[in-house]
Structure formats: C-alpha cells, structure tokens
C-alpha cells in the first residue's frame, strides 16, 4: 500500500480512561499516530498506567492546546505547551497542567528495527 490515510476522529481504536479522558490511535504502514484529549486532573500514572497495567514507554508527541507537566525518571520536570514537540524516555510520568484540558498528538513506530 503506497498511500495510507486514517481518520482519528472516527477511529475504531479509541479508548476512554477512567477519568473520562480519551485517546484514539491509528496504525499507518510503519508508524502510528494518536490523538488524546486529557481532562484537568488527568495523570499518566493514575489514569493510564493503572488502567493498562503497563509502564510508560518512550513517547514522542506534539501539544495542540493546553499543557502537560512531564517528569523524567531523574525527577526533572518541565512544562510542555501548545506548538511544542517532545520526546520522553521510558519510565516518565505526565499530567495536565492548569485549568484547561490538554489536546495532544503522539507518534510511534510500529516496526521493530534490527541492528545492522
């Protein structure tokens, strides 16, 4: 398949977190793209990690509106907001910052790369 087009607004792969926040994701040929709307008070470790029973993985994203506080394994915290792209290492945590929901895209690779 040369051209792959998916609609995140009408995704068959949508999930709702225990706080009512939501995320949809679509697989493309070699990657995926997700769209999340995270409510005020949403926190990865509380609302996603507990629900999926998985640790956080490497994460690449882009904030459309609102903002997140992101916390690395070392304890370093930064705020990421509209128009900013980010990459977080495994074991991070993140939560909505302020009084506005956060809308963000996230991206990842669907194929494992072998060492050459």
PDB file of N, CA and C in Angstrom:
ATOM      1  N   UNK A   1       0.841  -1.160   0.000  1.00  0.00           N
ATOM      2  CA  UNK A   1       0.000   0.000   0.000  1.00  0.00           C
ATOM      3  C   UNK A   1       0.900   1.241   0.000  1.00  0.00           C
ATOM      4  N   UNK A   2       0.784   2.062  -1.020  1.00  0.00           N
ATOM      5  CA  UNK A   2       1.640   3.236  -1.159  1.00  0.00           C
ATOM      6  C   UNK A   2       1.163   4.422  -0.330  1.00  0.00           C
ATOM      7  N   UNK A   3      -0.150   4.645  -0.294  1.00  0.00           N
ATOM      8  CA  UNK A   3      -0.712   5.768   0.453  1.00  0.00           C
ATOM      9  C   UNK A   3      -1.664   5.223   1.508  1.00  0.00           C
ATOM     10  N   UNK A   4      -1.449   5.634   2.766  1.00  0.00           N
ATOM     11  CA  UNK A   4      -2.307   5.203   3.870  1.00  0.00           C
ATOM     12  C   UNK A   4      -2.900   6.446   4.517  1.00  0.00           C
ATOM     13  N   UNK A   5      -4.218   6.487   4.611  1.00  0.00           N
ATOM     14  CA  UNK A   5      -4.915   7.615   5.231  1.00  0.00           C
ATOM     15  C   UNK A   5      -5.863   7.052   6.285  1.00  0.00           C
ATOM     16  N   UNK A   6      -5.809   7.624   7.474  1.00  0.00           N
ATOM     17  CA  UNK A   6      -6.691   7.199   8.560  1.00  0.00           C
ATOM     18  C   UNK A   6      -7.335   8.432   9.189  1.00  0.00           C
ATOM     19  N   UNK A   7      -8.505   8.256   9.786  1.00  0.00           N
ATOM     20  CA  UNK A   7      -9.232   9.339  10.426  1.00  0.00           C
ATOM     21  C   UNK A   7      -9.243   9.123  11.933  1.00  0.00           C
ATOM     22  N   UNK A   8      -8.561   9.992  12.672  1.00  0.00           N
ATOM     23  CA  UNK A   8      -8.513   9.866  14.132  1.00  0.00           C
ATOM     24  C   UNK A   8      -9.829  10.253  14.789  1.00  0.00           C
ATOM     25  N   UNK A   9     -10.641  11.061  14.115  1.00  0.00           N
ATOM     26  CA  UNK A   9     -11.935  11.464  14.670  1.00  0.00           C
ATOM     27  C   UNK A   9     -12.959  10.336  14.602  1.00  0.00           C
ATOM     28  N   UNK A  10     -12.716   9.351  13.747  1.00  0.00           N
ATOM     29  CA  UNK A  10     -13.655   8.242  13.561  1.00  0.00           C
ATOM     30  C   UNK A  10     -12.893   6.922  13.689  1.00  0.00           C
ATOM     31  N   UNK A  11     -12.025   6.851  14.684  1.00  0.00           N
ATOM     32  CA  UNK A  11     -11.148   5.695  14.849  1.00  0.00           C
ATOM     33  C   UNK A  11     -11.878   4.527  15.501  1.00  0.00           C
ATOM     34  N   UNK A  12     -11.610   3.349  15.014  1.00  0.00           N
ATOM     35  CA  UNK A  12     -12.110   2.140  15.655  1.00  0.00           C
ATOM     36  C   UNK A  12     -11.216   1.726  16.821  1.00  0.00           C
ATOM     37  N   UNK A  13     -10.145   2.460  17.029  1.00  0.00           N
ATOM     38  CA  UNK A  13      -9.189   2.149  18.083  1.00  0.00           C
ATOM     39  C   UNK A  13      -9.156   3.304  19.090  1.00  0.00           C
ATOM     40  N   UNK A  14     -10.296   3.598  19.676  1.00  0.00           N
ATOM     41  CA  UNK A  14     -10.403   4.669  20.666  1.00  0.00           C
ATOM     42  C   UNK A  14     -10.577   4.044  22.043  1.00  0.00           C
ATOM     43  N   UNK A  15     -10.047   4.734  23.050  1.00  0.00           N
ATOM     44  CA  UNK A  15     -10.245   4.259  24.416  1.00  0.00           C
ATOM     45  C   UNK A  15     -10.554   5.435  25.308  1.00  0.00           C
ATOM     46  N   UNK A  16     -11.282   5.142  26.360  1.00  0.00           N
ATOM     47  CA  UNK A  16     -11.578   6.154  27.358  1.00  0.00           C
ATOM     48  C   UNK A  16     -10.870   5.746  28.642  1.00  0.00           C
ATOM     49  N   UNK A  17     -10.197   6.710  29.270  1.00  0.00           N
ATOM     50  CA  UNK A  17      -9.523   6.454  30.534  1.00  0.00           C
ATOM     51  C   UNK A  17     -10.521   6.540  31.679  1.00  0.00           C
ATOM     52  N   UNK A  18     -10.111   6.093  32.854  1.00  0.00           N
ATOM     53  CA  UNK A  18     -11.035   6.014  33.982  1.00  0.00           C
ATOM     54  C   UNK A  18     -11.547   7.373  34.443  1.00  0.00           C
ATOM     55  N   UNK A  19     -10.890   8.471  34.052  1.00  0.00           N
ATOM     56  CA  UNK A  19     -11.363   9.807  34.426  1.00  0.00           C
ATOM     57  C   UNK A  19     -12.213  10.453  33.334  1.00  0.00           C
ATOM     58  N   UNK A  20     -12.441   9.755  32.210  1.00  0.00           N
ATOM     59  CA  UNK A  20     -13.224  10.294  31.113  1.00  0.00           C
ATOM     60  C   UNK A  20     -12.394  10.916  30.004  1.00  0.00           C
ATOM     61  N   UNK A  21     -11.067  11.027  30.199  1.00  0.00           N
ATOM     62  CA  UNK A  21     -10.192  11.480  29.116  1.00  0.00           C
ATOM     63  C   UNK A  21     -10.216  10.424  28.019  1.00  0.00           C
ATOM     64  N   UNK A  22      -9.824  10.802  26.802  1.00  0.00           N
ATOM     65  CA  UNK A  22      -9.903   9.840  25.705  1.00  0.00           C
ATOM     66  C   UNK A  22      -8.693   9.947  24.789  1.00  0.00           C
ATOM     67  N   UNK A  23      -8.437   8.854  24.076  1.00  0.00           N
ATOM     68  CA  UNK A  23      -7.353   8.807  23.108  1.00  0.00           C
ATOM     69  C   UNK A  23      -7.742   7.849  21.995  1.00  0.00           C
ATOM     70  N   UNK A  24      -7.521   8.286  20.762  1.00  0.00           N
ATOM     71  CA  UNK A  24      -7.705   7.400  19.625  1.00  0.00           C
ATOM     72  C   UNK A  24      -6.356   7.246  18.947  1.00  0.00           C
ATOM     73  N   UNK A  25      -6.158   6.145  18.271  1.00  0.00           N
ATOM     74  CA  UNK A  25      -4.895   5.901  17.576  1.00  0.00           C
ATOM     75  C   UNK A  25      -5.171   5.128  16.302  1.00  0.00           C
ATOM     76  N   UNK A  26      -4.360   5.395  15.310  1.00  0.00           N
ATOM     77  CA  UNK A  26      -4.469   4.681  14.040  1.00  0.00           C
ATOM     78  C   UNK A  26      -3.094   4.238  13.586  1.00  0.00           C
ATOM     79  N   UNK A  27      -3.044   3.010  13.136  1.00  0.00           N
ATOM     80  CA  UNK A  27      -1.812   2.450  12.601  1.00  0.00           C
ATOM     81  C   UNK A  27      -1.696   2.830  11.130  1.00  0.00           C
ATOM     82  N   UNK A  28      -0.523   3.295  10.785  1.00  0.00           N
ATOM     83  CA  UNK A  28      -0.214   3.572   9.386  1.00  0.00           C
ATOM     84  C   UNK A  28       0.663   2.423   8.893  1.00  0.00           C
ATOM     85  N   UNK A  29       1.395   2.596   7.830  1.00  0.00           N
ATOM     86  CA  UNK A  29       2.198   1.488   7.318  1.00  0.00           C
ATOM     87  C   UNK A  29       3.349   1.143   8.268  1.00  0.00           C
ATOM     88  N   UNK A  30       4.141   2.124   8.711  1.00  0.00           N
ATOM     89  CA  UNK A  30       5.317   1.851   9.556  1.00  0.00           C
ATOM     90  C   UNK A  30       5.266   2.579  10.888  1.00  0.00           C
ATOM     91  N   UNK A  31       4.179   3.303  11.134  1.00  0.00           N
ATOM     92  CA  UNK A  31       4.090   4.080  12.358  1.00  0.00           C
ATOM     93  C   UNK A  31       2.631   4.176  12.789  1.00  0.00           C
ATOM     94  N   UNK A  32       2.424   4.827  13.927  1.00  0.00           N
ATOM     95  CA  UNK A  32       1.060   5.108  14.354  1.00  0.00           C
ATOM     96  C   UNK A  32       0.993   6.569  14.769  1.00  0.00           C
ATOM     97  N   UNK A  33      -0.209   7.102  14.789  1.00  0.00           N
ATOM     98  CA  UNK A  33      -0.460   8.442  15.307  1.00  0.00           C
ATOM     99  C   UNK A  33      -1.669   8.356  16.225  1.00  0.00           C
ATOM    100  N   UNK A  34      -1.560   9.035  17.360  1.00  0.00           N
ATOM    101  CA  UNK A  34      -2.647   9.056  18.323  1.00  0.00           C
ATOM    102  C   UNK A  34      -3.083  10.483  18.591  1.00  0.00           C
ATOM    103  N   UNK A  35      -4.339  10.652  19.004  1.00  0.00           N
ATOM    104  CA  UNK A  35      -4.886  11.947  19.373  1.00  0.00           C
ATOM    105  C   UNK A  35      -5.576  11.792  20.715  1.00  0.00           C
ATOM    106  N   UNK A  36      -5.096  12.536  21.704  1.00  0.00           N
ATOM    107  CA  UNK A  36      -5.671  12.447  23.034  1.00  0.00           C
ATOM    108  C   UNK A  36      -6.249  13.762  23.497  1.00  0.00           C
ATOM    109  N   UNK A  37      -7.360  13.672  24.217  1.00  0.00           N
ATOM    110  CA  UNK A  37      -7.941  14.816  24.908  1.00  0.00           C
ATOM    111  C   UNK A  37      -7.970  14.444  26.381  1.00  0.00           C
ATOM    112  N   UNK A  38      -7.128  15.127  27.156  1.00  0.00           N
ATOM    113  CA  UNK A  38      -6.905  14.784  28.558  1.00  0.00           C
ATOM    114  C   UNK A  38      -7.528  15.851  29.447  1.00  0.00           C
ATOM    115  N   UNK A  39      -8.405  15.423  30.344  1.00  0.00           N
ATOM    116  CA  UNK A  39      -9.133  16.345  31.215  1.00  0.00           C
ATOM    117  C   UNK A  39      -8.237  16.898  32.319  1.00  0.00           C
ATOM    118  N   UNK A  40      -8.640  18.053  32.865  1.00  0.00           N
ATOM    119  CA  UNK A  40      -7.952  18.633  34.011  1.00  0.00           C
ATOM    120  C   UNK A  40      -7.915  17.581  35.120  1.00  0.00           C
ATOM    121  N   UNK A  41      -6.757  17.351  35.689  1.00  0.00           N
ATOM    122  CA  UNK A  41      -6.590  16.338  36.729  1.00  0.00           C
ATOM    123  C   UNK A  41      -6.054  15.012  36.220  1.00  0.00           C
ATOM    124  N   UNK A  42      -6.031  14.810  34.876  1.00  0.00           N
ATOM    125  CA  UNK A  42      -5.521  13.559  34.317  1.00  0.00           C
ATOM    126  C   UNK A  42      -4.032  13.429  34.590  1.00  0.00           C
ATOM    127  N   UNK A  43      -3.624  12.213  34.957  1.00  0.00           N
ATOM    128  CA  UNK A  43      -2.207  11.913  35.199  1.00  0.00           C
ATOM    129  C   UNK A  43      -1.926  10.510  34.658  1.00  0.00           C
ATOM    130  N   UNK A  44      -0.828  10.376  33.888  1.00  0.00           N
ATOM    131  CA  UNK A  44      -0.486   9.090  33.287  1.00  0.00           C
ATOM    132  C   UNK A  44      -0.497   7.974  34.323  1.00  0.00           C
ATOM    133  N   UNK A  45       0.254   8.133  35.409  1.00  0.00           N
ATOM    134  CA  UNK A  45       0.410   7.047  36.381  1.00  0.00           C
ATOM    135  C   UNK A  45      -0.907   6.667  37.051  1.00  0.00           C
ATOM    136  N   UNK A  46      -1.812   7.607  37.189  1.00  0.00           N
ATOM    137  CA  UNK A  46      -3.094   7.335  37.844  1.00  0.00           C
ATOM    138  C   UNK A  46      -4.180   6.864  36.879  1.00  0.00           C
ATOM    139  N   UNK A  47      -4.227   7.443  35.689  1.00  0.00           N
ATOM    140  CA  UNK A  47      -5.367   7.204  34.805  1.00  0.00           C
ATOM    141  C   UNK A  47      -5.061   6.333  33.589  1.00  0.00           C
ATOM    142  N   UNK A  48      -3.816   6.171  33.241  1.00  0.00           N
ATOM    143  CA  UNK A  48      -3.470   5.313  32.101  1.00  0.00           C
ATOM    144  C   UNK A  48      -2.660   4.109  32.581  1.00  0.00           C
ATOM    145  N   UNK A  49      -1.613   4.353  33.330  1.00  0.00           N
ATOM    146  CA  UNK A  49      -0.763   3.265  33.804  1.00  0.00           C
ATOM    147  C   UNK A  49      -1.528   2.229  34.615  1.00  0.00           C
ATOM    148  N   UNK A  50      -2.363   2.684  35.533  1.00  0.00           N
ATOM    149  CA  UNK A  50      -3.160   1.751  36.344  1.00  0.00           C
ATOM    150  C   UNK A  50      -4.178   0.995  35.504  1.00  0.00           C
ATOM    151  N   UNK A  51      -4.738   1.676  34.490  1.00  0.00           N
ATOM    152  CA  UNK A  51      -5.752   1.041  33.646  1.00  0.00           C
ATOM    153  C   UNK A  51      -5.128   0.000  32.719  1.00  0.00           C
ATOM    154  N   UNK A  52      -3.940   0.301  32.186  1.00  0.00           N
ATOM    155  CA  UNK A  52      -3.304  -0.612  31.237  1.00  0.00           C
ATOM    156  C   UNK A  52      -2.366  -1.600  31.912  1.00  0.00           C
ATOM    157  N   UNK A  53      -1.997  -1.308  33.157  1.00  0.00           N
ATOM    158  CA  UNK A  53      -1.043  -2.125  33.913  1.00  0.00           C
ATOM    159  C   UNK A  53       0.290  -2.252  33.170  1.00  0.00           C
ATOM    160  N   UNK A  54       0.696  -1.139  32.517  1.00  0.00           N
ATOM    161  CA  UNK A  54       1.957  -1.101  31.780  1.00  0.00           C
ATOM    162  C   UNK A  54       2.752   0.119  32.228  1.00  0.00           C
ATOM    163  N   UNK A  55       4.078   0.027  32.196  1.00  0.00           N
ATOM    164  CA  UNK A  55       4.888   1.213  32.473  1.00  0.00           C
ATOM    165  C   UNK A  55       4.870   2.138  31.261  1.00  0.00           C
ATOM    166  N   UNK A  56       5.216   3.397  31.484  1.00  0.00           N
ATOM    167  CA  UNK A  56       5.279   4.317  30.347  1.00  0.00           C
ATOM    168  C   UNK A  56       6.458   3.944  29.459  1.00  0.00           C
ATOM    169  N   UNK A  57       6.265   4.092  28.158  1.00  0.00           N
ATOM    170  CA  UNK A  57       7.291   3.768  27.169  1.00  0.00           C
ATOM    171  C   UNK A  57       7.855   5.061  26.593  1.00  0.00           C
ATOM    172  N   UNK A  58       8.869   4.950  25.735  1.00  0.00           N
ATOM    173  CA  UNK A  58       9.362   6.127  25.033  1.00  0.00           C
ATOM    174  C   UNK A  58       8.173   6.794  24.345  1.00  0.00           C
ATOM    175  N   UNK A  59       8.102   8.088  24.407  1.00  0.00           N
ATOM    176  CA  UNK A  59       6.907   8.790  23.952  1.00  0.00           C
ATOM    177  C   UNK A  59       7.305  10.044  23.187  1.00  0.00           C
ATOM    178  N   UNK A  60       6.788  10.192  21.979  1.00  0.00           N
ATOM    179  CA  UNK A  60       7.006  11.365  21.143  1.00  0.00           C
ATOM    180  C   UNK A  60       5.650  12.013  20.923  1.00  0.00           C
ATOM    181  N   UNK A  61       5.562  13.337  21.110  1.00  0.00           N
ATOM    182  CA  UNK A  61       4.274  13.982  20.968  1.00  0.00           C
ATOM    183  C   UNK A  61       4.361  15.433  20.566  1.00  0.00           C
ATOM    184  N   UNK A  62       3.175  16.020  20.389  1.00  0.00           N
ATOM    185  CA  UNK A  62       3.033  17.414  19.991  1.00  0.00           C
ATOM    186  C   UNK A  62       1.770  17.953  20.661  1.00  0.00           C
ATOM    187  N   UNK A  63       1.895  19.078  21.369  1.00  0.00           N
ATOM    188  CA  UNK A  63       0.755  19.655  22.075  1.00  0.00           C
ATOM    189  C   UNK A  63      -0.004  20.609  21.151  1.00  0.00           C
ATOM    190  N   UNK A  64      -1.314  20.366  20.996  1.00  0.00           N
ATOM    191  CA  UNK A  64      -2.176  21.229  20.197  1.00  0.00           C
ATOM    192  C   UNK A  64      -2.735  22.353  21.065  1.00  0.00           C
ATOM    193  N   UNK A  65      -3.246  22.010  22.240  1.00  0.00           N
ATOM    194  CA  UNK A  65      -3.773  23.020  23.166  1.00  0.00           C
ATOM    195  C   UNK A  65      -3.637  22.515  24.596  1.00  0.00           C
ATOM    196  N   UNK A  66      -3.683  23.448  25.543  1.00  0.00           N
ATOM    197  CA  UNK A  66      -3.465  23.085  26.935  1.00  0.00           C
ATOM    198  C   UNK A  66      -1.995  22.800  27.166  1.00  0.00           C
ATOM    199  N   UNK A  67      -1.686  22.164  28.285  1.00  0.00           N
ATOM    200  CA  UNK A  67      -0.287  21.837  28.568  1.00  0.00           C
ATOM    201  C   UNK A  67      -0.184  20.655  29.517  1.00  0.00           C
ATOM    202  N   UNK A  68       0.980  20.042  29.495  1.00  0.00           N
ATOM    203  CA  UNK A  68       1.349  18.936  30.376  1.00  0.00           C
ATOM    204  C   UNK A  68       2.549  19.343  31.216  1.00  0.00           C
ATOM    205  N   UNK A  69       2.635  18.798  32.417  1.00  0.00           N
ATOM    206  CA  UNK A  69       3.899  18.739  33.137  1.00  0.00           C
ATOM    207  C   UNK A  69       4.431  17.348  32.835  1.00  0.00           C
ATOM    208  N   UNK A  70       5.677  17.261  32.410  1.00  0.00           N
ATOM    209  CA  UNK A  70       6.302  15.966  32.161  1.00  0.00           C
ATOM    210  C   UNK A  70       7.427  15.789  33.166  1.00  0.00           C
ATOM    211  N   UNK A  71       7.558  14.569  33.677  1.00  0.00           N
ATOM    212  CA  UNK A  71       8.559  14.272  34.696  1.00  0.00           C
ATOM    213  C   UNK A  71       9.368  13.067  34.257  1.00  0.00           C
ATOM    214  N   UNK A  72      10.676  13.262  34.119  1.00  0.00           N
ATOM    215  CA  UNK A  72      11.561  12.180  33.728  1.00  0.00           C
ATOM    216  C   UNK A  72      11.895  11.278  34.899  1.00  0.00           C
ATOM    217  N   UNK A  73      12.554  10.177  34.612  1.00  0.00           N
ATOM    218  CA  UNK A  73      12.951   9.212  35.634  1.00  0.00           C
ATOM    219  C   UNK A  73      13.858   9.865  36.677  1.00  0.00           C
ATOM    220  N   UNK A  74      14.665  10.835  36.249  1.00  0.00           N
ATOM    221  CA  UNK A  74      15.591  11.517  37.162  1.00  0.00           C
ATOM    222  C   UNK A  74      14.871  12.452  38.124  1.00  0.00           C
ATOM    223  N   UNK A  75      13.580  12.727  37.871  1.00  0.00           N
ATOM    224  CA  UNK A  75      12.823  13.654  38.694  1.00  0.00           C
ATOM    225  C   UNK A  75      12.706  15.038  38.082  1.00  0.00           C
ATOM    226  N   UNK A  76      13.418  15.283  36.973  1.00  0.00           N
ATOM    227  CA  UNK A  76      13.338  16.572  36.292  1.00  0.00           C
ATOM    228  C   UNK A  76      11.921  16.782  35.758  1.00  0.00           C
ATOM    229  N   UNK A  77      11.370  17.978  35.985  1.00  0.00           N
ATOM    230  CA  UNK A  77      10.036  18.317  35.496  1.00  0.00           C
ATOM    231  C   UNK A  77      10.109  19.516  34.561  1.00  0.00           C
ATOM    232  N   UNK A  78       9.309  19.466  33.505  1.00  0.00           N
ATOM    233  CA  UNK A  78       9.196  20.584  32.566  1.00  0.00           C
ATOM    234  C   UNK A  78       7.741  20.693  32.137  1.00  0.00           C
ATOM    235  N   UNK A  79       7.356  21.892  31.744  1.00  0.00           N
ATOM    236  CA  UNK A  79       6.016  22.123  31.191  1.00  0.00           C
ATOM    237  C   UNK A  79       6.153  22.175  29.679  1.00  0.00           C
ATOM    238  N   UNK A  80       5.278  21.456  28.991  1.00  0.00           N
ATOM    239  CA  UNK A  80       5.243  21.463  27.526  1.00  0.00           C
ATOM    240  C   UNK A  80       3.854  21.942  27.112  1.00  0.00           C
ATOM    241  N   UNK A  81       3.831  22.929  26.194  1.00  0.00           N
ATOM    242  CA  UNK A  81       2.562  23.552  25.837  1.00  0.00           C
ATOM    243  C   UNK A  81       2.330  23.628  24.343  1.00  0.00           C
ATOM    244  N   UNK A  82       1.310  24.371  23.939  1.00  0.00           N
ATOM    245  CA  UNK A  82       0.892  24.449  22.540  1.00  0.00           C
ATOM    246  C   UNK A  82       2.037  24.784  21.588  1.00  0.00           C
ATOM    247  N   UNK A  83       2.097  24.002  20.509  1.00  0.00           N
ATOM    248  CA  UNK A  83       3.115  24.219  19.489  1.00  0.00           C
ATOM    249  C   UNK A  83       4.440  23.557  19.797  1.00  0.00           C
ATOM    250  N   UNK A  84       4.553  22.900  20.947  1.00  0.00           N
ATOM    251  CA  UNK A  84       5.819  22.262  21.312  1.00  0.00           C
ATOM    252  C   UNK A  84       5.751  20.755  21.086  1.00  0.00           C
ATOM    253  N   UNK A  85       6.844  20.234  20.534  1.00  0.00           N
ATOM    254  CA  UNK A  85       7.019  18.785  20.367  1.00  0.00           C
ATOM    255  C   UNK A  85       7.907  18.304  21.498  1.00  0.00           C
ATOM    256  N   UNK A  86       7.775  17.024  21.852  1.00  0.00           N
ATOM    257  CA  UNK A  86       8.572  16.479  22.949  1.00  0.00           C
ATOM    258  C   UNK A  86       8.863  15.008  22.721  1.00  0.00           C
ATOM    259  N   UNK A  87       9.893  14.536  23.394  1.00  0.00           N
ATOM    260  CA  UNK A  87      10.196  13.107  23.450  1.00  0.00           C
ATOM    261  C   UNK A  87      10.581  12.781  24.880  1.00  0.00           C
ATOM    262  N   UNK A  88       9.953  11.752  25.440  1.00  0.00           N
ATOM    263  CA  UNK A  88      10.180  11.339  26.822  1.00  0.00           C
ATOM    264  C   UNK A  88      10.720   9.925  26.843  1.00  0.00           C
ATOM    265  N   UNK A  89      11.659   9.670  27.737  1.00  0.00           N
ATOM    266  CA  UNK A  89      12.215   8.331  27.852  1.00  0.00           C
ATOM    267  C   UNK A  89      11.262   7.431  28.647  1.00  0.00           C
ATOM    268  N   UNK A  90      11.449   6.116  28.556  1.00  0.00           N
ATOM    269  CA  UNK A  90      10.607   5.182  29.310  1.00  0.00           C
ATOM    270  C   UNK A  90      10.669   5.483  30.810  1.00  0.00           C
ATOM    271  N   UNK A  91       9.564   5.235  31.497  1.00  0.00           N
ATOM    272  CA  UNK A  91       9.503   5.429  32.936  1.00  0.00           C
ATOM    273  C   UNK A  91       9.072   6.827  33.348  1.00  0.00           C
ATOM    274  N   UNK A  92       8.691   7.666  32.401  1.00  0.00           N
ATOM    275  CA  UNK A  92       8.269   9.033  32.704  1.00  0.00           C
ATOM    276  C   UNK A  92       6.857   9.062  33.277  1.00  0.00           C
ATOM    277  N   UNK A  93       6.471  10.217  33.760  1.00  0.00           N
ATOM    278  CA  UNK A  93       5.082  10.475  34.139  1.00  0.00           C
ATOM    279  C   UNK A  93       4.700  11.810  33.507  1.00  0.00           C
ATOM    280  N   UNK A  94       3.418  12.053  33.356  1.00  0.00           N
ATOM    281  CA  UNK A  94       2.936  13.308  32.783  1.00  0.00           C
ATOM    282  C   UNK A  94       1.540  13.564  33.320  1.00  0.00           C
ATOM    283  N   UNK A  95       1.185  14.851  33.448  1.00  0.00           N
ATOM    284  CA  UNK A  95      -0.138  15.212  33.898  1.00  0.00           C
ATOM    285  C   UNK A  95      -0.535  16.560  33.328  1.00  0.00           C
ATOM    286  N   UNK A  96      -1.861  16.766  33.256  1.00  0.00           N
ATOM    287  CA  UNK A  96      -2.384  18.017  32.729  1.00  0.00           C
ATOM    288  C   UNK A  96      -2.002  19.142  33.680  1.00  0.00           C
ATOM    289  N   UNK A  97      -1.538  20.231  33.096  1.00  0.00           N
ATOM    290  CA  UNK A  97      -1.119  21.414  33.849  1.00  0.00           C
ATOM    291  C   UNK A  97      -2.178  22.496  33.688  1.00  0.00           C
ATOM    292  N   UNK A  98      -2.572  23.119  34.772  1.00  0.00           N
ATOM    293  CA  UNK A  98      -3.508  24.232  34.702  1.00  0.00           C
ATOM    294  C   UNK A  98      -4.962  23.807  34.676  1.00  0.00           C
ATOM    295  N   UNK A  99      -5.803  24.729  34.242  1.00  0.00           N
ATOM    296  CA  UNK A  99      -7.261  24.543  34.286  1.00  0.00           C
ATOM    297  C   UNK A  99      -7.878  24.344  32.912  1.00  0.00           C
ATOM    298  N   UNK A 100      -7.091  23.889  31.955  1.00  0.00           N
ATOM    299  CA  UNK A 100      -7.576  23.654  30.590  1.00  0.00           C
ATOM    300  C   UNK A 100      -7.199  22.235  30.183  1.00  0.00           C
ATOM    301  N   UNK A 101      -8.117  21.488  29.560  1.00  0.00           N
ATOM    302  CA  UNK A 101      -7.746  20.158  29.064  1.00  0.00           C
ATOM    303  C   UNK A 101      -6.559  20.263  28.097  1.00  0.00           C
ATOM    304  N   UNK A 102      -5.824  19.188  27.977  1.00  0.00           N
ATOM    305  CA  UNK A 102      -4.683  19.144  27.059  1.00  0.00           C
ATOM    306  C   UNK A 102      -5.046  18.247  25.875  1.00  0.00           C
ATOM    307  N   UNK A 103      -4.863  18.771  24.673  1.00  0.00           N
ATOM    308  CA  UNK A 103      -5.087  18.004  23.451  1.00  0.00           C
ATOM    309  C   UNK A 103      -3.722  17.809  22.801  1.00  0.00           C
ATOM    310  N   UNK A 104      -3.362  16.556  22.548  1.00  0.00           N
ATOM    311  CA  UNK A 104      -2.022  16.260  22.056  1.00  0.00           C
ATOM    312  C   UNK A 104      -2.035  15.121  21.055  1.00  0.00           C
ATOM    313  N   UNK A 105      -1.099  15.188  20.132  1.00  0.00           N
ATOM    314  CA  UNK A 105      -0.817  14.085  19.218  1.00  0.00           C
ATOM    315  C   UNK A 105       0.346  13.287  19.777  1.00  0.00           C
ATOM    316  N   UNK A 106       0.361  11.996  19.528  1.00  0.00           N
ATOM    317  CA  UNK A 106       1.545  11.200  19.850  1.00  0.00           C
ATOM    318  C   UNK A 106       1.853  10.274  18.691  1.00  0.00           C
ATOM    319  N   UNK A 107       3.118   9.922  18.577  1.00  0.00           N
ATOM    320  CA  UNK A 107       3.613   9.189  17.419  1.00  0.00           C
ATOM    321  C   UNK A 107       4.510   8.046  17.858  1.00  0.00           C
ATOM    322  N   UNK A 108       4.569   6.994  17.063  1.00  0.00           N
ATOM    323  CA  UNK A 108       5.470   5.895  17.352  1.00  0.00           C
ATOM    324  C   UNK A 108       5.667   5.014  16.139  1.00  0.00           C
ATOM    325  N   UNK A 109       6.632   4.157  16.260  1.00  0.00           N
ATOM    326  CA  UNK A 109       6.976   3.234  15.194  1.00  0.00           C
ATOM    327  C   UNK A 109       6.282   1.905  15.450  1.00  0.00           C
ATOM    328  N   UNK A 110       5.729   1.314  14.418  1.00  0.00           N
ATOM    329  CA  UNK A 110       5.045   0.026  14.579  1.00  0.00           C
ATOM    330  C   UNK A 110       5.933  -1.160  14.207  1.00  0.00           C
ATOM    331  N   UNK A 111       7.124  -0.863  13.696  1.00  0.00           N
ATOM    332  CA  UNK A 111       8.038  -1.945  13.307  1.00  0.00           C
ATOM    333  C   UNK A 111       9.269  -1.920  14.198  1.00  0.00           C
ATOM    334  N   UNK A 112       9.735  -3.102  14.572  1.00  0.00           N
ATOM    335  CA  UNK A 112      10.982  -3.192  15.336  1.00  0.00           C
ATOM    336  C   UNK A 112      12.142  -3.145  14.374  1.00  0.00           C
ATOM    337  N   UNK A 113      13.140  -2.358  14.726  1.00  0.00           N
ATOM    338  CA  UNK A 113      14.316  -2.226  13.888  1.00  0.00           C
ATOM    339  C   UNK A 113      15.427  -3.140  14.410  1.00  0.00           C
ATOM    340  N   UNK A 114      16.026  -3.868  13.531  1.00  0.00           N
ATOM    341  CA  UNK A 114      17.114  -4.765  13.906  1.00  0.00           C
ATOM    342  C   UNK A 114      18.455  -4.047  13.743  1.00  0.00           C
ATOM    343  N   UNK A 115      19.412  -4.423  14.573  1.00  0.00           N
ATOM    344  CA  UNK A 115      20.757  -3.851  14.460  1.00  0.00           C
ATOM    345  C   UNK A 115      21.375  -4.325  13.161  1.00  0.00           C
ATOM    346  N   UNK A 116      22.128  -3.438  12.553  1.00  0.00           N
ATOM    347  CA  UNK A 116      22.779  -3.818  11.284  1.00  0.00           C
ATOM    348  C   UNK A 116      24.197  -4.212  11.531  1.00  0.00           C
TER     349      UNK A 116
END
